[in-house]
All heavy atoms as atom14 arrays in JSON, in Angstrom:
{
  "sequence": "AQAKKDEGVEIIAGGNCDKSEGYFVEPTVI",
  "atom14_mask": [
    [1, 1, 1, 1, 1, 0, 0, 0, 0, 0, 0, 0, 0, 0],
    [1, 1, 1, 1, 1, 1, 1, 1, 1, 0, 0, 0, 0, 0],
    [1, 1, 1, 1, 1, 0, 0, 0, 0, 0, 0, 0, 0, 0],
    [1, 1, 1, 1, 1, 1, 1, 1, 1, 0, 0, 0, 0, 0],
    [1, 1, 1, 1, 1, 1, 1, 1, 1, 0, 0, 0, 0, 0],
    [1, 1, 1, 1, 1, 1, 1, 1, 0, 0, 0, 0, 0, 0],
    [1, 1, 1, 1, 1, 1, 1, 1, 1, 0, 0, 0, 0, 0],
    [1, 1, 1, 1, 0, 0, 0, 0, 0, 0, 0, 0, 0, 0],
    [1, 1, 1, 1, 1, 1, 1, 0, 0, 0, 0, 0, 0, 0],
    [1, 1, 1, 1, 1, 1, 1, 1, 1, 0, 0, 0, 0, 0],
    [1, 1, 1, 1, 1, 1, 1, 1, 0, 0, 0, 0, 0, 0],
    [1, 1, 1, 1, 1, 1, 1, 1, 0, 0, 0, 0, 0, 0],
    [1, 1, 1, 1, 1, 0, 0, 0, 0, 0, 0, 0, 0, 0],
    [1, 1, 1, 1, 0, 0, 0, 0, 0, 0, 0, 0, 0, 0],
    [1, 1, 1, 1, 0, 0, 0, 0, 0, 0, 0, 0, 0, 0],
    [1, 1, 1, 1, 1, 1, 1, 1, 0, 0, 0, 0, 0, 0],
    [1, 1, 1, 1, 1, 1, 0, 0, 0, 0, 0, 0, 0, 0],
    [1, 1, 1, 1, 1, 1, 1, 1, 0, 0, 0, 0, 0, 0],
    [1, 1, 1, 1, 1, 1, 1, 1, 1, 0, 0, 0, 0, 0],
    [1, 1, 1, 1, 1, 1, 0, 0, 0, 0, 0, 0, 0, 0],
    [1, 1, 1, 1, 1, 1, 1, 1, 1, 0, 0, 0, 0, 0],
    [1, 1, 1, 1, 0, 0, 0, 0, 0, 0, 0, 0, 0, 0],
    [1, 1, 1, 1, 1, 1, 1, 1, 1, 1, 1, 1, 0, 0],
    [1, 1, 1, 1, 1, 1, 1, 1, 1, 1, 1, 0, 0, 0],
    [1, 1, 1, 1, 1, 1, 1, 0, 0, 0, 0, 0, 0, 0],
    [1, 1, 1, 1, 1, 1, 1, 1, 1, 0, 0, 0, 0, 0],
    [1, 1, 1, 1, 1, 1, 1, 0, 0, 0, 0, 0, 0, 0],
    [1, 1, 1, 1, 1, 1, 1, 0, 0, 0, 0, 0, 0, 0],
    [1, 1, 1, 1, 1, 1, 1, 0, 0, 0, 0, 0, 0, 0],
    [1, 1, 1, 1, 1, 1, 1, 1, 0, 0, 0, 0, 0, 0]
  ],
  "atom14_positions": [
    [[0.22, -5.63, 0.22], [1.35, -6.52, -0.01], [1.1, -7.45, -1.2], [1.99, -7.63, -2.05], [1.71, -7.29, 1.2], [0.0, 0.0, 0.0], [0.0, 0.0, 0.0], [0.0, 0.0, 0.0], [0.0, 0.0, 0.0], [0.0, 0.0, 0.0], [0.0, 0.0, 0.0], [0.0, 0.0, 0.0], [0.0, 0.0, 0.0], [0.0, 0.0, 0.0]],
    [[-0.12, -7.95, -1.29], [-0.39, -8.87, -2.39], [-0.53, -8.1, -3.7], [-0.08, -8.61, -4.72], [-1.7, -9.58, -2.09], [-2.1, -10.68, -3.11], [-1.05, -11.79, -3.12], [-0.6, -12.27, -2.11], [-0.63, -12.18, -4.36], [0.0, 0.0, 0.0], [0.0, 0.0, 0.0], [0.0, 0.0, 0.0], [0.0, 0.0, 0.0], [0.0, 0.0, 0.0]],
    [[-1.1, -6.92, -3.63], [-1.25, -6.09, -4.83], [0.12, -5.75, -5.45], [0.23, -5.68, -6.68], [-2.02, -4.8, -4.53], [0.0, 0.0, 0.0], [0.0, 0.0, 0.0], [0.0, 0.0, 0.0], [0.0, 0.0, 0.0], [0.0, 0.0, 0.0], [0.0, 0.0, 0.0], [0.0, 0.0, 0.0], [0.0, 0.0, 0.0], [0.0, 0.0, 0.0]],
    [[1.13, -5.58, -4.58], [2.49, -5.32, -5.1], [3.05, -6.48, -5.88], [3.99, -6.27, -6.7], [3.33, -4.85, -3.94], [2.98, -3.52, -3.33], [3.8, -3.17, -2.09], [3.36, -1.93, -1.44], [4.16, -1.62, -0.24], [0.0, 0.0, 0.0], [0.0, 0.0, 0.0], [0.0, 0.0, 0.0], [0.0, 0.0, 0.0], [0.0, 0.0, 0.0]],
    [[2.56, -7.68, -5.68], [3.09, -8.9, -6.28], [2.34, -9.24, -7.5], [2.9, -9.94, -8.43], [3.05, -10.01, -5.29], [3.84, -9.81, -3.97], [3.68, -10.98, -3.03], [4.36, -10.8, -1.7], [4.13, -11.89, -0.75], [0.0, 0.0, 0.0], [0.0, 0.0, 0.0], [0.0, 0.0, 0.0], [0.0, 0.0, 0.0], [0.0, 0.0, 0.0]],
    [[1.1, -8.91, -7.61], [0.22, -9.43, -8.66], [0.46, -8.7, -9.98], [0.64, -7.49, -10.02], [-1.24, -9.29, -8.24], [-1.63, -10.25, -7.12], [-0.92, -11.25, -6.94], [-2.65, -9.98, -6.46], [0.0, 0.0, 0.0], [0.0, 0.0, 0.0], [0.0, 0.0, 0.0], [0.0, 0.0, 0.0], [0.0, 0.0, 0.0], [0.0, 0.0, 0.0]],
    [[0.34, -9.49, -11.04], [0.41, -8.92, -12.4], [-0.82, -8.16, -12.78], [-1.94, -8.5, -12.31], [0.72, -10.03, -13.43], [2.04, -10.7, -13.28], [2.33, -11.74, -14.32], [1.44, -11.8, -15.29], [3.37, -12.46, -14.31], [0.0, 0.0, 0.0], [0.0, 0.0, 0.0], [0.0, 0.0, 0.0], [0.0, 0.0, 0.0], [0.0, 0.0, 0.0]],
    [[-0.68, -7.16, -13.62], [-1.84, -6.38, -14.05], [-2.37, -5.45, -12.96], [-3.52, -4.95, -13.11], [0.0, 0.0, 0.0], [0.0, 0.0, 0.0], [0.0, 0.0, 0.0], [0.0, 0.0, 0.0], [0.0, 0.0, 0.0], [0.0, 0.0, 0.0], [0.0, 0.0, 0.0], [0.0, 0.0, 0.0], [0.0, 0.0, 0.0], [0.0, 0.0, 0.0]],
    [[-1.57, -5.24, -11.94], [-1.96, -4.37, -10.8], [-0.85, -3.34, -10.6], [0.34, -3.7, -10.49], [-2.16, -5.22, -9.53], [-2.53, -4.25, -8.37], [-3.23, -6.27, -9.78], [0.0, 0.0, 0.0], [0.0, 0.0, 0.0], [0.0, 0.0, 0.0], [0.0, 0.0, 0.0], [0.0, 0.0, 0.0], [0.0, 0.0, 0.0], [0.0, 0.0, 0.0]],
    [[-1.23, -2.06, -10.52], [-0.21, -1.0, -10.33], [-0.71, -0.11, -9.19], [-1.88, 0.42, -9.23], [-0.01, -0.16, -11.6], [0.97, 0.95, -11.46], [1.05, 1.83, -12.68], [0.23, 1.64, -13.58], [1.95, 2.73, -12.73], [0.0, 0.0, 0.0], [0.0, 0.0, 0.0], [0.0, 0.0, 0.0], [0.0, 0.0, 0.0], [0.0, 0.0, 0.0]],
    [[0.18, 0.16, -8.21], [-0.14, 1.14, -7.19], [0.46, 2.47, -7.6], [1.68, 2.59, -7.79], [0.46, 0.73, -5.83], [-0.23, -0.53, -5.33], [0.34, 1.81, -4.8], [0.37, -1.1, -4.06], [0.0, 0.0, 0.0], [0.0, 0.0, 0.0], [0.0, 0.0, 0.0], [0.0, 0.0, 0.0], [0.0, 0.0, 0.0], [0.0, 0.0, 0.0]],
    [[-0.41, 3.45, -7.88], [0.09, 4.75, -8.44], [0.18, 5.81, -7.32], [0.75, 6.87, -7.61], [-0.84, 5.25, -9.56], [-2.25, 5.52, -9.04], [-0.92, 4.26, -10.73], [-3.11, 6.29, -10.03], [0.0, 0.0, 0.0], [0.0, 0.0, 0.0], [0.0, 0.0, 0.0], [0.0, 0.0, 0.0], [0.0, 0.0, 0.0], [0.0, 0.0, 0.0]],
    [[-0.28, 5.51, -6.16], [-0.15, 6.43, -5.04], [-0.26, 5.65, -3.75], [-1.1, 4.74, -3.6], [-1.17, 7.55, -5.05], [0.0, 0.0, 0.0], [0.0, 0.0, 0.0], [0.0, 0.0, 0.0], [0.0, 0.0, 0.0], [0.0, 0.0, 0.0], [0.0, 0.0, 0.0], [0.0, 0.0, 0.0], [0.0, 0.0, 0.0], [0.0, 0.0, 0.0]],
    [[0.59, 6.01, -2.74], [0.53, 5.37, -1.46], [1.08, 3.96, -1.51], [2.12, 3.68, -2.15], [0.0, 0.0, 0.0], [0.0, 0.0, 0.0], [0.0, 0.0, 0.0], [0.0, 0.0, 0.0], [0.0, 0.0, 0.0], [0.0, 0.0, 0.0], [0.0, 0.0, 0.0], [0.0, 0.0, 0.0], [0.0, 0.0, 0.0], [0.0, 0.0, 0.0]],
    [[0.44, 3.05, -0.68], [0.88, 1.67, -0.65], [1.71, 1.31, 0.54], [2.05, 0.13, 0.81], [0.0, 0.0, 0.0], [0.0, 0.0, 0.0], [0.0, 0.0, 0.0], [0.0, 0.0, 0.0], [0.0, 0.0, 0.0], [0.0, 0.0, 0.0], [0.0, 0.0, 0.0], [0.0, 0.0, 0.0], [0.0, 0.0, 0.0], [0.0, 0.0, 0.0]],
    [[2.09, 2.28, 1.36], [2.99, 1.99, 2.5], [2.18, 1.98, 3.85], [1.17, 2.69, 3.91], [4.11, 3.01, 2.63], [4.99, 3.02, 1.38], [5.42, 1.96, 0.92], [5.21, 4.15, 0.78], [0.0, 0.0, 0.0], [0.0, 0.0, 0.0], [0.0, 0.0, 0.0], [0.0, 0.0, 0.0], [0.0, 0.0, 0.0], [0.0, 0.0, 0.0]],
    [[2.65, 1.23, 4.83], [2.04, 1.13, 6.09], [3.04, 1.18, 7.21], [4.22, 0.75, 7.0], [1.24, -0.24, 6.21], [0.17, -0.62, 4.85], [0.0, 0.0, 0.0], [0.0, 0.0, 0.0], [0.0, 0.0, 0.0], [0.0, 0.0, 0.0], [0.0, 0.0, 0.0], [0.0, 0.0, 0.0], [0.0, 0.0, 0.0], [0.0, 0.0, 0.0]],
    [[2.69, 1.69, 8.4], [3.59, 1.74, 9.51], [2.78, 1.76, 10.78], [1.89, 2.55, 11.02], [4.38, 3.05, 9.42], [5.43, 3.13, 10.55], [5.46, 2.26, 11.39], [6.29, 4.09, 10.48], [0.0, 0.0, 0.0], [0.0, 0.0, 0.0], [0.0, 0.0, 0.0], [0.0, 0.0, 0.0], [0.0, 0.0, 0.0], [0.0, 0.0, 0.0]],
    [[3.05, 0.75, 11.65], [2.37, 0.62, 12.92], [3.29, 0.75, 14.18], [2.95, 0.29, 15.22], [1.52, -0.64, 13.03], [2.39, -1.96, 12.96], [1.39, -3.13, 13.12], [2.14, -4.47, 13.0], [1.21, -5.65, 13.14], [0.0, 0.0, 0.0], [0.0, 0.0, 0.0], [0.0, 0.0, 0.0], [0.0, 0.0, 0.0], [0.0, 0.0, 0.0]],
    [[4.39, 1.45, 13.94], [5.36, 1.57, 15.04], [4.85, 2.52, 16.12], [5.02, 2.31, 17.29], [6.73, 2.09, 14.51], [6.51, 3.36, 13.81], [0.0, 0.0, 0.0], [0.0, 0.0, 0.0], [0.0, 0.0, 0.0], [0.0, 0.0, 0.0], [0.0, 0.0, 0.0], [0.0, 0.0, 0.0], [0.0, 0.0, 0.0], [0.0, 0.0, 0.0]],
    [[4.13, 3.57, 15.73], [3.58, 4.56, 16.66], [2.04, 4.45, 16.74], [1.47, 4.62, 17.81], [3.98, 5.96, 16.27], [5.52, 6.23, 16.23], [6.12, 6.13, 17.67], [5.36, 6.37, 18.63], [7.27, 5.73, 17.76], [0.0, 0.0, 0.0], [0.0, 0.0, 0.0], [0.0, 0.0, 0.0], [0.0, 0.0, 0.0], [0.0, 0.0, 0.0]],
    [[1.47, 4.24, 15.62], [0.01, 4.13, 15.51], [-0.28, 3.34, 14.22], [0.65, 2.95, 13.48], [0.0, 0.0, 0.0], [0.0, 0.0, 0.0], [0.0, 0.0, 0.0], [0.0, 0.0, 0.0], [0.0, 0.0, 0.0], [0.0, 0.0, 0.0], [0.0, 0.0, 0.0], [0.0, 0.0, 0.0], [0.0, 0.0, 0.0], [0.0, 0.0, 0.0]],
    [[-1.54, 3.07, 13.99], [-1.86, 2.19, 12.87], [-2.13, 3.02, 11.59], [-3.31, 3.24, 11.16], [-3.12, 1.4, 13.21], [-2.89, 0.57, 14.45], [-3.57, 0.85, 15.61], [-1.97, -0.47, 14.5], [-3.36, 0.15, 16.81], [-1.67, -1.16, 15.68], [-2.39, -0.88, 16.84], [-2.21, -1.58, 17.94], [0.0, 0.0, 0.0], [0.0, 0.0, 0.0]],
    [[-1.03, 3.42, 10.99], [-1.09, 4.35, 9.83], [-0.97, 3.6, 8.5], [0.03, 2.89, 8.32], [-0.01, 5.42, 9.95], [-0.23, 6.39, 11.03], [0.51, 6.27, 12.28], [-1.16, 7.4, 10.93], [0.25, 7.18, 13.33], [-1.41, 8.28, 12.0], [-0.68, 8.12, 13.17], [0.0, 0.0, 0.0], [0.0, 0.0, 0.0], [0.0, 0.0, 0.0]],
    [[-1.93, 3.81, 7.61], [-1.91, 3.2, 6.32], [-2.0, 4.41, 5.33], [-2.98, 5.19, 5.4], [-3.09, 2.26, 6.07], [-3.07, 1.74, 4.61], [-2.99, 1.08, 7.06], [0.0, 0.0, 0.0], [0.0, 0.0, 0.0], [0.0, 0.0, 0.0], [0.0, 0.0, 0.0], [0.0, 0.0, 0.0], [0.0, 0.0, 0.0], [0.0, 0.0, 0.0]],
    [[-1.06, 4.53, 4.43], [-1.15, 5.56, 3.45], [-2.33, 5.45, 2.54], [-2.67, 4.29, 2.11], [0.14, 5.62, 2.53], [1.36, 6.14, 3.19], [2.53, 6.16, 2.2], [2.44, 5.53, 1.14], [3.52, 6.95, 2.49], [0.0, 0.0, 0.0], [0.0, 0.0, 0.0], [0.0, 0.0, 0.0], [0.0, 0.0, 0.0], [0.0, 0.0, 0.0]],
    [[-3.05, 6.51, 2.22], [-4.13, 6.42, 1.23], [-3.55, 5.84, -0.09], [-2.45, 6.37, -0.53], [-4.55, 7.87, 1.06], [-4.26, 8.44, 2.42], [-2.98, 7.84, 2.82], [0.0, 0.0, 0.0], [0.0, 0.0, 0.0], [0.0, 0.0, 0.0], [0.0, 0.0, 0.0], [0.0, 0.0, 0.0], [0.0, 0.0, 0.0], [0.0, 0.0, 0.0]],
    [[-4.14, 4.87, -0.66], [-3.59, 4.13, -1.74], [-4.55, 4.02, -2.89], [-5.72, 3.76, -2.71], [-3.2, 2.68, -1.23], [-2.27, 2.78, -0.18], [-2.62, 1.89, -2.35], [0.0, 0.0, 0.0], [0.0, 0.0, 0.0], [0.0, 0.0, 0.0], [0.0, 0.0, 0.0], [0.0, 0.0, 0.0], [0.0, 0.0, 0.0], [0.0, 0.0, 0.0]],
    [[-4.0, 4.24, -4.12], [-4.78, 4.05, -5.36], [-4.16, 2.94, -6.11], [-2.94, 2.95, -6.44], [-4.78, 5.35, -6.14], [-5.56, 5.12, -7.47], [-5.5, 6.47, -5.38], [0.0, 0.0, 0.0], [0.0, 0.0, 0.0], [0.0, 0.0, 0.0], [0.0, 0.0, 0.0], [0.0, 0.0, 0.0], [0.0, 0.0, 0.0], [0.0, 0.0, 0.0]],
    [[-4.99, 1.96, -6.42], [-4.57, 0.78, -7.23], [-5.26, 0.84, -8.57], [-6.48, 1.06, -8.6], [-4.89, -0.52, -6.5], [-4.24, -0.61, -5.12], [-4.53, -1.76, -7.36], [-4.68, -1.8, -4.31], [0.0, 0.0, 0.0], [0.0, 0.0, 0.0], [0.0, 0.0, 0.0], [0.0, 0.0, 0.0], [0.0, 0.0, 0.0], [0.0, 0.0, 0.0]]
  ]
}
């Protein structure tokens, strides 16, 4: 969440999370 706000930082893959069914975090490249 913080990386999405900061300057000079780009998420080029992933970045999403969902814990409705289980604790799933998309593989993310910053």
